[in-house]
C-alpha atoms as a PDB file:
ATOM      1  CA  MET A   1      53.571 106.987 232.895  1.00  0.00           C
ATOM      2  CA  THR A   2      53.977 107.342 228.743  1.00  0.00           C
ATOM      3  CA  SER A   3      57.154 108.552 226.908  1.00  0.00           C
ATOM      4  CA  ARG A   4      56.869 111.908 225.233  1.00  0.00           C
ATOM      5  CA  GLU A   5      56.689 109.801 222.025  1.00  0.00           C
ATOM      6  CA  GLY A   6      53.380 108.344 223.924  1.00  0.00           C
ATOM      7  CA  ARG A   7      54.887 104.663 224.429  1.00  0.00           C
ATOM      8  CA  CYS A   8      53.235 102.764 226.896  1.00  0.00           C
ATOM      9  CA  THR A   9      55.743 101.975 229.392  1.00  0.00           C
ATOM     10  CA  ARG A  10      53.750 101.829 232.798  1.00  0.00           C
ATOM     11  CA  PRO A  11      53.871  97.861 233.770  1.00  0.00           C
ATOM     12  CA  GLY A  12      51.048  96.366 234.976  1.00  0.00           C
ATOM     13  CA  SER A  13      49.421  93.244 235.464  1.00  0.00           C
ATOM     14  CA  LEU A  14      45.953  91.424 234.493  1.00  0.00           C
ATOM     15  CA  PRO A  15      42.765  91.648 236.424  1.00  0.00           C
ATOM     16  CA  LEU A  16      40.936  89.091 238.246  1.00  0.00           C
ATOM     17  CA  SER A  17      37.964  89.712 236.491  1.00  0.00           C
ATOM     18  CA  THR A  18      37.315  91.297 232.386  1.00  0.00           C
ATOM     19  CA  PRO A  19      34.969  92.660 230.558  1.00  0.00           C
ATOM     20  CA  HIS A  20      32.690  90.523 228.316  1.00  0.00           C
ATOM     21  CA  HIS A  21      33.462  92.252 225.305  1.00  0.00           C
ATOM     22  CA  VAL A  22      36.357  94.376 224.424  1.00  0.00           C
ATOM     23  CA  ALA A  23      36.519  96.688 220.959  1.00  0.00           C
ATOM     24  CA  ILE A  24      39.790  98.245 220.448  1.00  0.00           C
ATOM     25  CA  ILE A  25      40.289 101.480 217.656  1.00  0.00           C
ATOM     26  CA  MET A  26      44.039 100.690 216.763  1.00  0.00           C
ATOM     27  CA  ASP A  27      44.981 104.307 215.970  1.00  0.00           C
ATOM     28  CA  GLY A  28      48.801 105.513 215.449  1.00  0.00           C
ATOM     29  CA  ASN A  29      50.438 103.724 212.917  1.00  0.00           C
ATOM     30  CA  GLY A  30      51.616 106.223 210.634  1.00  0.00           C
ATOM     31  CA  ARG A  31      52.660 108.683 213.823  1.00  0.00           C
ATOM     32  CA  TRP A  32      54.751 105.706 215.061  1.00  0.00           C
ATOM     33  CA  ALA A  33      56.886 105.246 211.647  1.00  0.00           C
ATOM     34  CA  LYS A  34      56.837 109.114 211.513  1.00  0.00           C
ATOM     35  CA  SER A  35      58.607 109.617 214.759  1.00  0.00           C
ATOM     36  CA  ARG A  36      60.977 107.440 213.609  1.00  0.00           C
ATOM     37  CA  GLY A  37      61.963 108.527 210.550  1.00  0.00           C
ATOM     38  CA  MET A  38      60.077 105.558 208.576  1.00  0.00           C
ATOM     39  CA  PRO A  39      57.818 105.285 205.896  1.00  0.00           C
ATOM     40  CA  ARG A  40      54.176 104.431 207.113  1.00  0.00           C
ATOM     41  CA  SER A  41      54.179 101.177 206.106  1.00  0.00           C
ATOM     42  CA  MET A  42      56.378 100.109 208.612  1.00  0.00           C
ATOM     43  CA  GLY A  43      54.313 101.523 211.290  1.00  0.00           C
ATOM     44  CA  HIS A  44      51.163  99.158 209.899  1.00  0.00           C
ATOM     45  CA  ARG A  45      53.616  96.270 210.000  1.00  0.00           C
ATOM     46  CA  LYS A  46      54.652  96.957 213.250  1.00  0.00           C
ATOM     47  CA  GLY A  47      51.035  97.387 214.510  1.00  0.00           C
ATOM     48  CA  VAL A  48      49.975  93.561 213.095  1.00  0.00           C
ATOM     49  CA  GLU A  49      52.445  92.603 215.730  1.00  0.00           C
ATOM     50  CA  ALA A  50      50.580  94.671 218.226  1.00  0.00           C
ATOM     51  CA  VAL A  51      47.205  92.979 217.025  1.00  0.00           C
ATOM     52  CA  ARG A  52      49.064  89.267 217.163  1.00  0.00           C
ATOM     53  CA  GLU A  53      49.884  90.359 221.204  1.00  0.00           C
ATOM     54  CA  THR A  54      46.708  91.871 221.769  1.00  0.00           C
ATOM     55  CA  VAL A  55      44.754  88.490 220.766  1.00  0.00           C
ATOM     56  CA  ARG A  56      46.480  86.634 223.058  1.00  0.00           C
ATOM     57  CA  THR A  57      46.448  88.901 226.036  1.00  0.00           C
ATOM     58  CA  ALA A  58      42.505  88.870 225.457  1.00  0.00           C
ATOM     59  CA  GLY A  59      42.221  85.357 225.736  1.00  0.00           C
ATOM     60  CA  GLU A  60      44.323  84.930 228.335  1.00  0.00           C
ATOM     61  CA  SER A  61      42.509  87.649 230.114  1.00  0.00           C
ATOM     62  CA  GLY A  62      39.367  85.609 229.810  1.00  0.00           C
ATOM     63  CA  VAL A  63      37.719  88.215 227.116  1.00  0.00           C
ATOM     64  CA  ARG A  64      35.230  86.431 225.084  1.00  0.00           C
ATOM     65  CA  TYR A  65      34.968  88.967 222.379  1.00  0.00           C
ATOM     66  CA  LEU A  66      36.995  90.922 221.086  1.00  0.00           C
ATOM     67  CA  THR A  67      36.010  93.667 218.358  1.00  0.00           C
ATOM     68  CA  LEU A  68      39.462  95.377 216.390  1.00  0.00           C
ATOM     69  CA  PHE A  69      38.694  98.129 214.276  1.00  0.00           C
ATOM     70  CA  ALA A  70      40.857  96.870 211.286  1.00  0.00           C
ATOM     71  CA  PHE A  71      39.740  99.343 208.399  1.00  0.00           C
ATOM     72  CA  SER A  72      37.264 101.776 208.302  1.00  0.00           C
ATOM     73  CA  SER A  73      35.007 102.819 205.283  1.00  0.00           C
ATOM     74  CA  GLU A  74      36.535 106.459 205.471  1.00  0.00           C
ATOM     75  CA  ASN A  75      40.358 105.008 205.201  1.00  0.00           C
ATOM     76  CA  TRP A  76      39.821 104.550 201.109  1.00  0.00           C
ATOM     77  CA  ASN A  77      40.687 108.073 200.982  1.00  0.00           C
ATOM     78  CA  ARG A  78      44.022 107.242 202.190  1.00  0.00           C
ATOM     79  CA  PRO A  79      46.674 107.414 199.404  1.00  0.00           C
ATOM     80  CA  PRO A  80      46.760 104.424 196.980  1.00  0.00           C
ATOM     81  CA  ASP A  81      50.387 103.350 197.674  1.00  0.00           C
ATOM     82  CA  GLU A  82      49.103 102.917 201.727  1.00  0.00           C
ATOM     83  CA  ILE A  83      45.852 101.037 200.868  1.00  0.00           C
ATOM     84  CA  ASN A  84      47.406  98.342 199.178  1.00  0.00           C
ATOM     85  CA  ASP A  85      49.727  97.615 201.648  1.00  0.00           C
ATOM     86  CA  LEU A  86      47.371  97.411 204.112  1.00  0.00           C
ATOM     87  CA  MET A  87      45.493  94.924 201.826  1.00  0.00           C
ATOM     88  CA  GLY A  88      49.054  93.179 201.817  1.00  0.00           C
ATOM     89  CA  LEU A  89      49.466  92.902 205.332  1.00  0.00           C
ATOM     90  CA  LEU A  90      45.443  91.642 205.910  1.00  0.00           C
ATOM     91  CA  ARG A  91      46.228  89.013 203.445  1.00  0.00           C
ATOM     92  CA  HIS A  92      49.714  88.123 204.914  1.00  0.00           C
ATOM     93  CA  PHE A  93      47.975  88.100 208.518  1.00  0.00           C
ATOM     94  CA  ILE A  94      44.817  85.777 207.617  1.00  0.00           C
ATOM     95  CA  ARG A  95      47.330  83.586 205.470  1.00  0.00           C
ATOM     96  CA  ARG A  96      49.939  83.196 208.717  1.00  0.00           C
ATOM     97  CA  ASP A  97      47.762  83.426 211.455  1.00  0.00           C
ATOM     98  CA  LEU A  98      44.656  81.781 210.789  1.00  0.00           C
ATOM     99  CA  ALA A  99      45.918  77.718 211.189  1.00  0.00           C
ATOM    100  CA  GLU A 100      47.032  79.607 214.888  1.00  0.00           C
ATOM    101  CA  LEU A 101      43.637  81.314 215.558  1.00  0.00           C
ATOM    102  CA  HIS A 102      41.552  78.112 214.591  1.00  0.00           C
ATOM    103  CA  LYS A 103      44.285  75.427 217.269  1.00  0.00           C
ATOM    104  CA  GLU A 104      43.359  78.113 219.855  1.00  0.00           C
ATOM    105  CA  ASN A 105      39.589  77.807 219.558  1.00  0.00           C
ATOM    106  CA  VAL A 106      39.041  81.210 218.348  1.00  0.00           C
ATOM    107  CA  ARG A 107      36.251  82.076 215.986  1.00  0.00           C
ATOM    108  CA  VAL A 108      36.944  85.074 213.299  1.00  0.00           C
ATOM    109  CA  ARG A 109      33.889  87.235 212.538  1.00  0.00           C
ATOM    110  CA  VAL A 110      33.911  90.118 209.725  1.00  0.00           C
ATOM    111  CA  ILE A 111      31.811  93.347 210.254  1.00  0.00           C
ATOM    112  CA  GLY A 112      31.521  96.051 207.345  1.00  0.00           C
ATOM    113  CA  ASP A 113      30.557  97.065 203.672  1.00  0.00           C
ATOM    114  CA  ARG A 114      31.991  93.953 201.881  1.00  0.00           C
ATOM    115  CA  ASP A 115      30.580  95.389 198.477  1.00  0.00           C
ATOM    116  CA  ARG A 116      34.150  97.174 197.654  1.00  0.00           C
ATOM    117  CA  LEU A 117      36.577  94.220 198.732  1.00  0.00           C
ATOM    118  CA  GLU A 118      38.531  92.599 195.951  1.00  0.00           C
ATOM    119  CA  LYS A 119      37.558  89.197 195.822  1.00  0.00           C
ATOM    120  CA  ASP A 120      40.670  87.520 197.074  1.00  0.00           C
ATOM    121  CA  ILE A 121      40.214  89.426 200.201  1.00  0.00           C
ATOM    122  CA  LEU A 122      36.508  88.886 200.264  1.00  0.00           C
ATOM    123  CA  ALA A 123      37.430  84.733 199.655  1.00  0.00           C
ATOM    124  CA  LEU A 124      40.026  85.261 202.155  1.00  0.00           C
ATOM    125  CA  LEU A 125      37.477  86.268 204.946  1.00  0.00           C
ATOM    126  CA  GLU A 126      34.862  84.343 204.169  1.00  0.00           C
ATOM    127  CA  GLU A 127      37.462  81.599 204.412  1.00  0.00           C
ATOM    128  CA  ALA A 128      38.417  82.544 207.732  1.00  0.00           C
ATOM    129  CA  GLU A 129      34.387  83.093 209.342  1.00  0.00           C
ATOM    130  CA  GLU A 130      33.836  79.540 207.761  1.00  0.00           C
ATOM    131  CA  LEU A 131      36.813  77.605 209.233  1.00  0.00           C
ATOM    132  CA  THR A 132      36.735  78.944 212.838  1.00  0.00           C
ATOM    133  CA  ARG A 133      32.432  78.556 212.548  1.00  0.00           C
ATOM    134  CA  ALA A 134      32.409  76.179 215.278  1.00  0.00           C
ATOM    135  CA  ASN A 135      35.031  77.660 217.666  1.00  0.00           C
ATOM    136  CA  SER A 136      33.913  78.858 220.901  1.00  0.00           C
ATOM    137  CA  ALA A 137      36.935  80.157 223.229  1.00  0.00           C
ATOM    138  CA  MET A 138      36.334  83.729 221.681  1.00  0.00           C
ATOM    139  CA  HIS A 139      35.092  85.759 218.982  1.00  0.00           C
ATOM    140  CA  LEU A 140      37.720  87.716 217.019  1.00  0.00           C
ATOM    141  CA  VAL A 141      35.719  90.183 215.600  1.00  0.00           C
ATOM    142  CA  ILE A 142      37.603  92.262 212.715  1.00  0.00           C
ATOM    143  CA  ALA A 143      35.604  95.807 211.760  1.00  0.00           C
ATOM    144  CA  PHE A 144      36.893  95.885 208.139  1.00  0.00           C
ATOM    145  CA  ASN A 145      35.570  98.454 205.307  1.00  0.00           C
ATOM    146  CA  TYR A 146      33.344  99.361 207.996  1.00  0.00           C
ATOM    147  CA  GLY A 147      31.625 102.265 209.083  1.00  0.00           C
ATOM    148  CA  GLY A 148      29.208 102.876 211.889  1.00  0.00           C
ATOM    149  CA  ARG A 149      26.653 105.293 209.895  1.00  0.00           C
ATOM    150  CA  ASN A 150      27.303 102.953 206.873  1.00  0.00           C
ATOM    151  CA  GLU A 151      26.226  99.564 208.764  1.00  0.00           C
ATOM    152  CA  ILE A 152      23.207 101.675 210.021  1.00  0.00           C
ATOM    153  CA  ALA A 153      22.078 102.584 206.745  1.00  0.00           C
ATOM    154  CA  ARG A 154      22.520  99.402 205.241  1.00  0.00           C
ATOM    155  CA  ALA A 155      20.350  98.081 208.345  1.00  0.00           C
ATOM    156  CA  MET A 156      17.579 100.015 207.380  1.00  0.00           C
ATOM    157  CA  LYS A 157      17.706  99.202 204.025  1.00  0.00           C
ATOM    158  CA  ARG A 158      16.970  95.184 205.147  1.00  0.00           C
ATOM    159  CA  ILE A 159      14.187  96.262 207.143  1.00  0.00           C
ATOM    160  CA  ALA A 160      12.599  98.330 204.384  1.00  0.00           C
ATOM    161  CA  GLU A 161      12.740  95.562 201.752  1.00  0.00           C
ATOM    162  CA  ALA A 162      11.563  92.839 204.686  1.00  0.00           C
ATOM    163  CA  VAL A 163       8.546  95.370 205.273  1.00  0.00           C
ATOM    164  CA  ASP A 164       7.939  95.785 201.320  1.00  0.00           C
ATOM    165  CA  ARG A 165       8.360  91.903 200.995  1.00  0.00           C
ATOM    166  CA  GLY A 166       5.520  91.404 204.394  1.00  0.00           C
ATOM    167  CA  ASP A 167       8.023  89.500 206.318  1.00  0.00           C
ATOM    168  CA  LEU A 168       8.104  92.075 209.128  1.00  0.00           C
ATOM    169  CA  ASP A 169       5.349  94.520 210.790  1.00  0.00           C
ATOM    170  CA  ALA A 170       6.486  98.090 210.470  1.00  0.00           C
ATOM    171  CA  SER A 171       4.279  98.639 213.541  1.00  0.00           C
ATOM    172  CA  SER A 172       6.569  95.916 215.330  1.00  0.00           C
ATOM    173  CA  VAL A 173      10.103  97.580 214.624  1.00  0.00           C
ATOM    174  CA  ASP A 174      11.704  98.195 217.558  1.00  0.00           C
ATOM    175  CA  GLU A 175      15.484  98.710 218.810  1.00  0.00           C
ATOM    176  CA  SER A 176      15.753  94.776 219.053  1.00  0.00           C
ATOM    177  CA  THR A 177      14.426  94.720 215.402  1.00  0.00           C
ATOM    178  CA  VAL A 178      17.229  96.935 214.734  1.00  0.00           C
ATOM    179  CA  THR A 179      19.860  95.521 216.713  1.00  0.00           C
ATOM    180  CA  SER A 180      18.944  92.101 214.693  1.00  0.00           C
ATOM    181  CA  PHE A 181      19.302  93.652 211.328  1.00  0.00           C
ATOM    182  CA  LEU A 182      22.896  94.754 212.168  1.00  0.00           C
ATOM    183  CA  ASP A 183      26.264  93.489 210.933  1.00  0.00           C
ATOM    184  CA  THR A 184      26.898  92.748 214.922  1.00  0.00           C
ATOM    185  CA  ALA A 185      23.587  90.717 214.768  1.00  0.00           C
ATOM    186  CA  GLY A 186      24.163  88.316 217.583  1.00  0.00           C
ATOM    187  CA  ILE A 187      27.166  89.867 219.708  1.00  0.00           C
ATOM    188  CA  PRO A 188      26.349  91.521 222.431  1.00  0.00           C
ATOM    189  CA  ASP A 189      27.295  95.321 222.843  1.00  0.00           C
ATOM    190  CA  PRO A 190      30.986  96.123 223.668  1.00  0.00           C
ATOM    191  CA  ASP A 191      31.403  96.622 227.594  1.00  0.00           C
ATOM    192  CA  LEU A 192      34.756  98.680 226.672  1.00  0.00           C
ATOM    193  CA  ILE A 193      35.938 100.811 224.269  1.00  0.00           C
ATOM    194  CA  ILE A 194      39.811 101.385 223.858  1.00  0.00           C
ATOM    195  CA  ARG A 195      41.333 104.135 221.436  1.00  0.00           C
ATOM    196  CA  THR A 196      45.100 104.215 221.169  1.00  0.00           C
ATOM    197  CA  SER A 197      47.041 107.052 219.877  1.00  0.00           C
ATOM    198  CA  GLY A 198      45.550 109.938 222.754  1.00  0.00           C
ATOM    199  CA  GLU A 199      42.642 110.934 220.163  1.00  0.00           C
ATOM    200  CA  LYS A 200      39.256 110.996 222.181  1.00  0.00           C
ATOM    201  CA  ARG A 201      36.795 110.457 219.530  1.00  0.00           C
ATOM    202  CA  LEU A 202      34.502 107.338 218.587  1.00  0.00           C
ATOM    203  CA  SER A 203      35.513 107.751 214.176  1.00  0.00           C
ATOM    204  CA  ASN A 204      31.975 106.312 213.136  1.00  0.00           C
ATOM    205  CA  PHE A 205      33.049 103.258 215.167  1.00  0.00           C
ATOM    206  CA  LEU A 206      29.845 100.688 216.782  1.00  0.00           C
ATOM    207  CA  LEU A 207      27.678 103.936 216.830  1.00  0.00           C
ATOM    208  CA  TRP A 208      24.527 102.311 217.483  1.00  0.00           C
ATOM    209  CA  GLN A 209      26.454  99.300 219.867  1.00  0.00           C
ATOM    210  CA  ALA A 210      28.433 101.817 222.086  1.00  0.00           C
ATOM    211  CA  ALA A 211      25.470 103.511 223.665  1.00  0.00           C
ATOM    212  CA  TYR A 212      26.031 102.512 227.170  1.00  0.00           C
ATOM    213  CA  THR A 213      29.956 101.370 226.459  1.00  0.00           C
ATOM    214  CA  GLU A 214      32.507 102.382 228.805  1.00  0.00           C
ATOM    215  CA  PHE A 215      35.717 104.388 226.954  1.00  0.00           C
ATOM    216  CA  VAL A 216      39.370 104.177 228.168  1.00  0.00           C
ATOM    217  CA  PHE A 217      41.703 106.588 225.664  1.00  0.00           C
ATOM    218  CA  VAL A 218      45.490 105.980 225.794  1.00  0.00           C
ATOM    219  CA  PRO A 219      48.187 107.739 224.775  1.00  0.00           C
ATOM    220  CA  CYS A 220      50.434 105.167 223.386  1.00  0.00           C
ATOM    221  CA  LEU A 221      50.168 104.947 219.898  1.00  0.00           C
ATOM    222  CA  TRP A 222      49.231 101.464 218.733  1.00  0.00           C
ATOM    223  CA  PRO A 223      52.217  99.671 217.909  1.00  0.00           C
ATOM    224  CA  ASP A 224      53.265 100.546 221.150  1.00  0.00           C
ATOM    225  CA  PHE A 225      50.317  98.582 222.753  1.00  0.00           C
ATOM    226  CA  ASP A 226      51.476  95.766 224.968  1.00  0.00           C
ATOM    227  CA  LYS A 227      50.067  93.496 227.255  1.00  0.00           C
ATOM    228  CA  ALA A 228      50.783  95.980 230.235  1.00  0.00           C
ATOM    229  CA  ALA A 229      49.038  98.626 228.342  1.00  0.00           C
ATOM    230  CA  PHE A 230      45.968  96.173 227.982  1.00  0.00           C
ATOM    231  CA  SER A 231      45.830  95.208 231.661  1.00  0.00           C
ATOM    232  CA  ASN A 232      45.924  99.143 232.681  1.00  0.00           C
ATOM    233  CA  ALA A 233      42.894  99.739 230.567  1.00  0.00           C
ATOM    234  CA  MET A 234      41.182  96.460 231.721  1.00  0.00           C
ATOM    235  CA  LEU A 235      42.050  97.935 235.886  1.00  0.00           C
ATOM    236  CA  GLU A 236      40.427 101.638 234.602  1.00  0.00           C
ATOM    237  CA  TYR A 237      36.889  99.839 233.292  1.00  0.00           C
ATOM    238  CA  GLN A 238      36.951  97.909 236.582  1.00  0.00           C
ATOM    239  CA  GLN A 239      37.459 100.916 238.841  1.00  0.00           C
ATOM    240  CA  ARG A 240      34.011 102.587 237.033  1.00  0.00           C
ATOM    241  CA  GLU A 241      30.487 102.207 238.033  1.00  0.00           C
ATOM    242  CA  ARG A 242      28.117 101.455 235.431  1.00  0.00           C
ATOM    243  CA  ARG A 243      24.723 102.919 235.703  1.00  0.00           C
ATOM    244  CA  TYR A 244      22.966 102.055 232.420  1.00  0.00           C
ATOM    245  CA  GLY A 245      20.991 105.965 233.194  1.00  0.00           C
ATOM    246  CA  ALA A 246      19.959 104.708 236.234  1.00  0.00           C
ATOM    247  CA  VAL A 247      20.748 105.724 239.929  1.00  0.00           C
ATOM    248  CA  PRO A 248      22.570 103.041 242.203  1.00  0.00           C
ATOM    249  CA  GLU A 249      20.162 101.799 244.905  1.00  0.00           C
ATOM    250  CA  ARG A 250      23.120 103.209 248.016  1.00  0.00           C
ATOM    251  CA  ASP A 251      22.606 106.991 246.291  1.00  0.00           C
ATOM    252  CA  LEU A 252      18.560 106.404 246.536  1.00  0.00           C
ATOM    253  CA  ALA A 253      18.975 105.269 249.996  1.00  0.00           C
ATOM    254  CA  LEU A 254      20.927 108.559 250.525  1.00  0.00           C
ATOM    255  CA  GLY A 255      18.547 110.718 249.018  1.00  0.00           C
ATOM    256  CA  SER A 256      20.682 112.064 246.490  1.00  0.00           C
END
């Protein structure tokens, strides 16, 4: 059950088992603030609190990989003041939370195009990756200045350069080759993608990796996404049957 404002109000409990990799499109900060007569910046600030709770909940529930869509390559089209605020929140989050993440044995990894990032932002992201590189309790993947098409295009460019150098035979390029050149190399494809705010689209997120991902679209806005909402998404995922294009054996036995 949700309120008319899109808040998560339905209680839930953590399931006994969870998907290996969960990715989340964190949507609705601006609408959350607007519905309360607040500036959009307040929605983003409240959204950071939801990030902290989600990271804790994912770790408690046994999720091994959690990917958060923090800033898309298309977000540069937003007003400069909002972009500056988002960058400031990222700086604050890393400076405040990095030590705690490291203490909890969480490894931080950043995917996305780093060419456009300010030097201090880039340094903070690299510091987070380096400090937590040996951690293994959970992998927190932050998609920052990320776009799925851009990621694939950059991978194609690197493959072409490897072929030109003679390091790679063009005839040997297959799906596994492409996967190994993506930002997510070494990270398993997401089992589940959650999108908040009621929108039902992928928005250029993990296009290659989501080929057989399950999707759960929840109506609540991101600042209202809490432990109960996370649990309910897990439960919905567990009620499904993943087929990967195959026909289940029981259906074959029934001749269906």
